[in-house]
Amino acid sequence: DGLAWLSQIGLFLILGLLVNPSELLQYA
């Protein structure tokens, strides 16, 4: 259960690092 939570945290951290807010607004 702890490993699953750690995996989710790592996943969303990586996803967040890939997002550029200025590009995101272009496709809003």
PDB file of all heavy atoms in Angstrom:
ATOM      1  N   ASP A   1       0.839  -1.196   0.000  1.00  0.00           N
ATOM      2  CA  ASP A   1       0.000   0.000   0.000  1.00  0.00           C
ATOM      3  C   ASP A   1       0.875   1.248   0.000  1.00  0.00           C
ATOM      4  O   ASP A   1       0.618   2.208  -0.729  1.00  0.00           O
ATOM      5  CB  ASP A   1      -0.923  -0.006   1.218  1.00  0.00           C
ATOM      6  CG  ASP A   1      -1.968   1.103   1.150  1.00  0.00           C
ATOM      7  OD1 ASP A   1      -2.523   1.323   0.052  1.00  0.00           O
ATOM      8  OD2 ASP A   1      -2.230   1.741   2.177  1.00  0.00           O
ATOM      9  N   GLY A   2       1.927   1.236   0.810  1.00  0.00           N
ATOM     10  CA  GLY A   2       2.865   2.354   0.821  1.00  0.00           C
ATOM     11  C   GLY A   2       3.588   2.505  -0.502  1.00  0.00           C
ATOM     12  O   GLY A   2       3.777   3.630  -1.000  1.00  0.00           O
ATOM     13  N   LEU A   3       3.990   1.381  -1.119  1.00  0.00           N
ATOM     14  CA  LEU A   3       4.647   1.440  -2.427  1.00  0.00           C
ATOM     15  C   LEU A   3       3.706   1.988  -3.498  1.00  0.00           C
ATOM     16  O   LEU A   3       4.134   2.716  -4.406  1.00  0.00           O
ATOM     17  CB  LEU A   3       5.146   0.044  -2.822  1.00  0.00           C
ATOM     18  CG  LEU A   3       6.303  -0.529  -1.991  1.00  0.00           C
ATOM     19  CD1 LEU A   3       6.596  -1.959  -2.416  1.00  0.00           C
ATOM     20  CD2 LEU A   3       7.551   0.337  -2.124  1.00  0.00           C
ATOM     21  N   ALA A   4       2.426   1.626  -3.407  1.00  0.00           N
ATOM     22  CA  ALA A   4       1.447   2.131  -4.375  1.00  0.00           C
ATOM     23  C   ALA A   4       1.299   3.649  -4.264  1.00  0.00           C
ATOM     24  O   ALA A   4       1.253   4.371  -5.266  1.00  0.00           O
ATOM     25  CB  ALA A   4       0.096   1.447  -4.163  1.00  0.00           C
ATOM     26  N   TRP A   5       1.226   4.137  -3.015  1.00  0.00           N
ATOM     27  CA  TRP A   5       1.141   5.585  -2.814  1.00  0.00           C
ATOM     28  C   TRP A   5       2.393   6.287  -3.326  1.00  0.00           C
ATOM     29  O   TRP A   5       2.328   7.350  -3.955  1.00  0.00           O
ATOM     30  CB  TRP A   5       0.926   5.902  -1.339  1.00  0.00           C
ATOM     31  CG  TRP A   5      -0.493   5.779  -0.899  1.00  0.00           C
ATOM     32  CD1 TRP A   5      -1.049   4.794  -0.133  1.00  0.00           C
ATOM     33  CD2 TRP A   5      -1.570   6.681  -1.214  1.00  0.00           C
ATOM     34  NE1 TRP A   5      -2.392   5.015   0.048  1.00  0.00           N
ATOM     35  CE2 TRP A   5      -2.739   6.165  -0.599  1.00  0.00           C
ATOM     36  CE3 TRP A   5      -1.658   7.857  -1.940  1.00  0.00           C
ATOM     37  CZ2 TRP A   5      -3.967   6.794  -0.704  1.00  0.00           C
ATOM     38  CZ3 TRP A   5      -2.886   8.483  -2.046  1.00  0.00           C
ATOM     39  CH2 TRP A   5      -4.022   7.957  -1.435  1.00  0.00           C
ATOM     40  N   LEU A   6       3.558   5.693  -3.050  1.00  0.00           N
ATOM     41  CA  LEU A   6       4.813   6.278  -3.524  1.00  0.00           C
ATOM     42  C   LEU A   6       4.852   6.327  -5.043  1.00  0.00           C
ATOM     43  O   LEU A   6       5.310   7.311  -5.645  1.00  0.00           O
ATOM     44  CB  LEU A   6       5.996   5.459  -2.986  1.00  0.00           C
ATOM     45  CG  LEU A   6       7.392   5.959  -3.356  1.00  0.00           C
ATOM     46  CD1 LEU A   6       7.637   7.349  -2.781  1.00  0.00           C
ATOM     47  CD2 LEU A   6       8.453   4.988  -2.852  1.00  0.00           C
ATOM     48  N   SER A   7       4.360   5.272  -5.685  1.00  0.00           N
ATOM     49  CA  SER A   7       4.326   5.234  -7.145  1.00  0.00           C
ATOM     50  C   SER A   7       3.419   6.326  -7.699  1.00  0.00           C
ATOM     51  O   SER A   7       3.764   6.996  -8.686  1.00  0.00           O
ATOM     52  CB  SER A   7       3.843   3.859  -7.625  1.00  0.00           C
ATOM     53  OG  SER A   7       4.699   2.843  -7.166  1.00  0.00           O
ATOM     54  N   GLN A   8       2.249   6.508  -7.088  1.00  0.00           N
ATOM     55  CA  GLN A   8       1.338   7.545  -7.555  1.00  0.00           C
ATOM     56  C   GLN A   8       1.930   8.937  -7.376  1.00  0.00           C
ATOM     57  O   GLN A   8       1.800   9.799  -8.248  1.00  0.00           O
ATOM     58  CB  GLN A   8       0.009   7.445  -6.803  1.00  0.00           C
ATOM     59  CG  GLN A   8      -0.797   6.205  -7.137  1.00  0.00           C
ATOM     60  CD  GLN A   8      -2.139   6.190  -6.435  1.00  0.00           C
ATOM     61  OE1 GLN A   8      -3.037   6.939  -6.789  1.00  0.00           O
ATOM     62  NE2 GLN A   8      -2.281   5.346  -5.437  1.00  0.00           N
ATOM     63  N   ILE A   9       2.573   9.157  -6.225  1.00  0.00           N
ATOM     64  CA  ILE A   9       3.199  10.458  -5.985  1.00  0.00           C
ATOM     65  C   ILE A   9       4.280  10.727  -7.032  1.00  0.00           C
ATOM     66  O   ILE A   9       4.366  11.815  -7.615  1.00  0.00           O
ATOM     67  CB  ILE A   9       3.793  10.512  -4.558  1.00  0.00           C
ATOM     68  CG1 ILE A   9       2.670  10.488  -3.520  1.00  0.00           C
ATOM     69  CG2 ILE A   9       4.656  11.765  -4.373  1.00  0.00           C
ATOM     70  CD1 ILE A   9       3.163  10.275  -2.105  1.00  0.00           C
ATOM     71  N   GLY A  10       5.135   9.725  -7.292  1.00  0.00           N
ATOM     72  CA  GLY A  10       6.177   9.873  -8.299  1.00  0.00           C
ATOM     73  C   GLY A  10       5.610  10.102  -9.685  1.00  0.00           C
ATOM     74  O   GLY A  10       6.119  10.930 -10.457  1.00  0.00           O
ATOM     75  N   LEU A  11       4.526   9.383 -10.004  1.00  0.00           N
ATOM     76  CA  LEU A  11       3.891   9.525 -11.310  1.00  0.00           C
ATOM     77  C   LEU A  11       3.399  10.950 -11.524  1.00  0.00           C
ATOM     78  O   LEU A  11       3.704  11.584 -12.540  1.00  0.00           O
ATOM     79  CB  LEU A  11       2.729   8.530 -11.429  1.00  0.00           C
ATOM     80  CG  LEU A  11       1.822   8.697 -12.647  1.00  0.00           C
ATOM     81  CD1 LEU A  11       2.589   8.440 -13.928  1.00  0.00           C
ATOM     82  CD2 LEU A  11       0.620   7.766 -12.549  1.00  0.00           C
ATOM     83  N   PHE A  12       2.651  11.479 -10.576  1.00  0.00           N
ATOM     84  CA  PHE A  12       2.096  12.821 -10.732  1.00  0.00           C
ATOM     85  C   PHE A  12       3.186  13.891 -10.670  1.00  0.00           C
ATOM     86  O   PHE A  12       3.053  14.953 -11.285  1.00  0.00           O
ATOM     87  CB  PHE A  12       1.025  13.079  -9.676  1.00  0.00           C
ATOM     88  CG  PHE A  12      -0.291  12.454 -10.019  1.00  0.00           C
ATOM     89  CD1 PHE A  12      -0.707  11.281  -9.419  1.00  0.00           C
ATOM     90  CD2 PHE A  12      -1.125  13.030 -10.972  1.00  0.00           C
ATOM     91  CE1 PHE A  12      -1.915  10.696  -9.745  1.00  0.00           C
ATOM     92  CE2 PHE A  12      -2.334  12.452 -11.306  1.00  0.00           C
ATOM     93  CZ  PHE A  12      -2.732  11.281 -10.691  1.00  0.00           C
ATOM     94  N   LEU A  13       4.254  13.619  -9.939  1.00  0.00           N
ATOM     95  CA  LEU A  13       5.373  14.560  -9.916  1.00  0.00           C
ATOM     96  C   LEU A  13       6.001  14.665 -11.303  1.00  0.00           C
ATOM     97  O   LEU A  13       6.249  15.772 -11.809  1.00  0.00           O
ATOM     98  CB  LEU A  13       6.413  14.103  -8.888  1.00  0.00           C
ATOM     99  CG  LEU A  13       7.689  14.955  -8.796  1.00  0.00           C
ATOM    100  CD1 LEU A  13       7.349  16.361  -8.343  1.00  0.00           C
ATOM    101  CD2 LEU A  13       8.691  14.317  -7.845  1.00  0.00           C
ATOM    102  N   ILE A  14       6.250  13.520 -11.937  1.00  0.00           N
ATOM    103  CA  ILE A  14       6.825  13.521 -13.282  1.00  0.00           C
ATOM    104  C   ILE A  14       5.872  14.170 -14.279  1.00  0.00           C
ATOM    105  O   ILE A  14       6.287  14.956 -15.144  1.00  0.00           O
ATOM    106  CB  ILE A  14       7.158  12.079 -13.724  1.00  0.00           C
ATOM    107  CG1 ILE A  14       8.214  11.470 -12.795  1.00  0.00           C
ATOM    108  CG2 ILE A  14       7.646  12.056 -15.157  1.00  0.00           C
ATOM    109  CD1 ILE A  14       9.520  12.220 -12.762  1.00  0.00           C
ATOM    110  N   LEU A  15       4.586  13.860 -14.170  1.00  0.00           N
ATOM    111  CA  LEU A  15       3.607  14.462 -15.078  1.00  0.00           C
ATOM    112  C   LEU A  15       3.580  15.974 -14.925  1.00  0.00           C
ATOM    113  O   LEU A  15       3.486  16.717 -15.907  1.00  0.00           O
ATOM    114  CB  LEU A  15       2.214  13.877 -14.808  1.00  0.00           C
ATOM    115  CG  LEU A  15       2.022  12.391 -15.104  1.00  0.00           C
ATOM    116  CD1 LEU A  15       0.600  11.967 -14.771  1.00  0.00           C
ATOM    117  CD2 LEU A  15       2.339  12.082 -16.553  1.00  0.00           C
ATOM    118  N   GLY A  16       3.658  16.435 -13.674  1.00  0.00           N
ATOM    119  CA  GLY A  16       3.666  17.876 -13.432  1.00  0.00           C
ATOM    120  C   GLY A  16       4.880  18.554 -14.022  1.00  0.00           C
ATOM    121  O   GLY A  16       4.793  19.680 -14.534  1.00  0.00           O
ATOM    122  N   LEU A  17       6.033  17.886 -13.981  1.00  0.00           N
ATOM    123  CA  LEU A  17       7.255  18.470 -14.542  1.00  0.00           C
ATOM    124  C   LEU A  17       7.193  18.577 -16.061  1.00  0.00           C
ATOM    125  O   LEU A  17       7.877  19.412 -16.658  1.00  0.00           O
ATOM    126  CB  LEU A  17       8.462  17.620 -14.134  1.00  0.00           C
ATOM    127  CG  LEU A  17       8.828  17.625 -12.640  1.00  0.00           C
ATOM    128  CD1 LEU A  17       9.932  16.621 -12.356  1.00  0.00           C
ATOM    129  CD2 LEU A  17       9.248  19.025 -12.201  1.00  0.00           C
ATOM    130  N   LEU A  18       6.370  17.732 -16.689  1.00  0.00           N
ATOM    131  CA  LEU A  18       6.257  17.762 -18.146  1.00  0.00           C
ATOM    132  C   LEU A  18       5.290  18.827 -18.650  1.00  0.00           C
ATOM    133  O   LEU A  18       5.260  19.116 -19.849  1.00  0.00           O
ATOM    134  CB  LEU A  18       5.797  16.387 -18.657  1.00  0.00           C
ATOM    135  CG  LEU A  18       6.814  15.240 -18.537  1.00  0.00           C
ATOM    136  CD1 LEU A  18       6.153  13.924 -18.913  1.00  0.00           C
ATOM    137  CD2 LEU A  18       8.024  15.505 -19.407  1.00  0.00           C
ATOM    138  N   VAL A  19       4.498  19.404 -17.755  1.00  0.00           N
ATOM    139  CA  VAL A  19       3.463  20.351 -18.170  1.00  0.00           C
ATOM    140  C   VAL A  19       4.031  21.764 -18.211  1.00  0.00           C
ATOM    141  O   VAL A  19       4.675  22.222 -17.255  1.00  0.00           O
ATOM    142  CB  VAL A  19       2.258  20.301 -17.204  1.00  0.00           C
ATOM    143  CG1 VAL A  19       1.244  21.378 -17.568  1.00  0.00           C
ATOM    144  CG2 VAL A  19       1.611  18.939 -17.257  1.00  0.00           C
ATOM    145  N   ASN A  20       3.765  22.443 -19.317  1.00  0.00           N
ATOM    146  CA  ASN A  20       4.115  23.853 -19.451  1.00  0.00           C
ATOM    147  C   ASN A  20       2.828  24.668 -19.437  1.00  0.00           C
ATOM    148  O   ASN A  20       2.050  24.594 -20.395  1.00  0.00           O
ATOM    149  CB  ASN A  20       4.882  24.089 -20.766  1.00  0.00           C
ATOM    150  CG  ASN A  20       5.468  25.486 -20.851  1.00  0.00           C
ATOM    151  OD1 ASN A  20       4.928  26.424 -20.264  1.00  0.00           O
ATOM    152  ND2 ASN A  20       6.567  25.615 -21.582  1.00  0.00           N
ATOM    153  N   PRO A  21       2.560  25.436 -18.372  1.00  0.00           N
ATOM    154  CA  PRO A  21       1.270  26.150 -18.273  1.00  0.00           C
ATOM    155  C   PRO A  21       0.966  27.049 -19.466  1.00  0.00           C
ATOM    156  O   PRO A  21      -0.182  27.158 -19.885  1.00  0.00           O
ATOM    157  CB  PRO A  21       1.427  26.965 -16.990  1.00  0.00           C
ATOM    158  CG  PRO A  21       2.434  26.212 -16.182  1.00  0.00           C
ATOM    159  CD  PRO A  21       3.381  25.616 -17.167  1.00  0.00           C
ATOM    160  N   SER A  22       1.981  27.696 -20.032  1.00  0.00           N
ATOM    161  CA  SER A  22       1.729  28.592 -21.165  1.00  0.00           C
ATOM    162  C   SER A  22       1.234  27.804 -22.378  1.00  0.00           C
ATOM    163  O   SER A  22       0.333  28.253 -23.100  1.00  0.00           O
ATOM    164  CB  SER A  22       3.003  29.366 -21.512  1.00  0.00           C
ATOM    165  OG  SER A  22       4.047  28.459 -21.866  1.00  0.00           O
ATOM    166  N   GLU A  23       1.801  26.606 -22.601  1.00  0.00           N
ATOM    167  CA  GLU A  23       1.313  25.763 -23.701  1.00  0.00           C
ATOM    168  C   GLU A  23      -0.077  25.220 -23.405  1.00  0.00           C
ATOM    169  O   GLU A  23      -0.914  25.104 -24.301  1.00  0.00           O
ATOM    170  CB  GLU A  23       2.283  24.602 -23.932  1.00  0.00           C
ATOM    171  CG  GLU A  23       3.619  24.981 -24.509  1.00  0.00           C
ATOM    172  CD  GLU A  23       4.474  23.772 -24.816  1.00  0.00           C
ATOM    173  OE1 GLU A  23       3.943  22.643 -24.701  1.00  0.00           O
ATOM    174  OE2 GLU A  23       5.655  23.958 -25.155  1.00  0.00           O
ATOM    175  N   LEU A  24      -0.316  24.923 -22.129  1.00  0.00           N
ATOM    176  CA  LEU A  24      -1.617  24.374 -21.745  1.00  0.00           C
ATOM    177  C   LEU A  24      -2.732  25.364 -22.036  1.00  0.00           C
ATOM    178  O   LEU A  24      -3.823  24.985 -22.476  1.00  0.00           O
ATOM    179  CB  LEU A  24      -1.593  24.015 -20.263  1.00  0.00           C
ATOM    180  CG  LEU A  24      -2.656  23.040 -19.753  1.00  0.00           C
ATOM    181  CD1 LEU A  24      -2.520  21.683 -20.423  1.00  0.00           C
ATOM    182  CD2 LEU A  24      -2.536  22.881 -18.241  1.00  0.00           C
ATOM    183  N   LEU A  25      -2.468  26.651 -21.811  1.00  0.00           N
ATOM    184  CA  LEU A  25      -3.486  27.675 -22.044  1.00  0.00           C
ATOM    185  C   LEU A  25      -3.820  27.807 -23.527  1.00  0.00           C
ATOM    186  O   LEU A  25      -4.938  28.181 -23.886  1.00  0.00           O
ATOM    187  CB  LEU A  25      -3.012  29.016 -21.483  1.00  0.00           C
ATOM    188  CG  LEU A  25      -2.949  29.121 -19.951  1.00  0.00           C
ATOM    189  CD1 LEU A  25      -2.315  30.439 -19.525  1.00  0.00           C
ATOM    190  CD2 LEU A  25      -4.338  28.979 -19.344  1.00  0.00           C
ATOM    191  N   GLN A  26      -2.847  27.511 -24.393  1.00  0.00           N
ATOM    192  CA  GLN A  26      -3.104  27.609 -25.832  1.00  0.00           C
ATOM    193  C   GLN A  26      -4.187  26.626 -26.280  1.00  0.00           C
ATOM    194  O   GLN A  26      -4.920  26.888 -27.235  1.00  0.00           O
ATOM    195  CB  GLN A  26      -1.822  27.329 -26.617  1.00  0.00           C
ATOM    196  CG  GLN A  26      -0.709  28.349 -26.392  1.00  0.00           C
ATOM    197  CD  GLN A  26       0.549  27.980 -27.145  1.00  0.00           C
ATOM    198  OE1 GLN A  26       0.520  27.123 -28.040  1.00  0.00           O
ATOM    199  NE2 GLN A  26       1.666  28.612 -26.803  1.00  0.00           N
ATOM    200  N   TYR A  27      -4.252  25.489 -25.597  1.00  0.00           N
ATOM    201  CA  TYR A  27      -5.201  24.447 -25.984  1.00  0.00           C
ATOM    202  C   TYR A  27      -6.416  24.399 -25.052  1.00  0.00           C
ATOM    203  O   TYR A  27      -7.156  23.427 -25.056  1.00  0.00           O
ATOM    204  CB  TYR A  27      -4.518  23.077 -25.979  1.00  0.00           C
ATOM    205  CG  TYR A  27      -3.255  23.024 -26.802  1.00  0.00           C
ATOM    206  CD1 TYR A  27      -2.010  22.904 -26.200  1.00  0.00           C
ATOM    207  CD2 TYR A  27      -3.315  23.105 -28.183  1.00  0.00           C
ATOM    208  CE1 TYR A  27      -0.843  22.856 -26.953  1.00  0.00           C
ATOM    209  CE2 TYR A  27      -2.157  23.051 -28.951  1.00  0.00           C
ATOM    210  CZ  TYR A  27      -0.925  22.934 -28.333  1.00  0.00           C
ATOM    211  OH  TYR A  27       0.213  22.893 -29.080  1.00  0.00           O
ATOM    212  N   ALA A  28      -6.614  25.440 -24.252  1.00  0.00           N
ATOM    213  CA  ALA A  28      -7.686  25.415 -23.247  1.00  0.00           C
ATOM    214  C   ALA A  28      -9.065  25.300 -23.893  1.00  0.00           C
ATOM    215  O   ALA A  28      -9.895  24.485 -23.469  1.00  0.00           O
ATOM    216  CB  ALA A  28      -7.609  26.667 -22.376  1.00  0.00           C
TER     217      ALA A  28
END
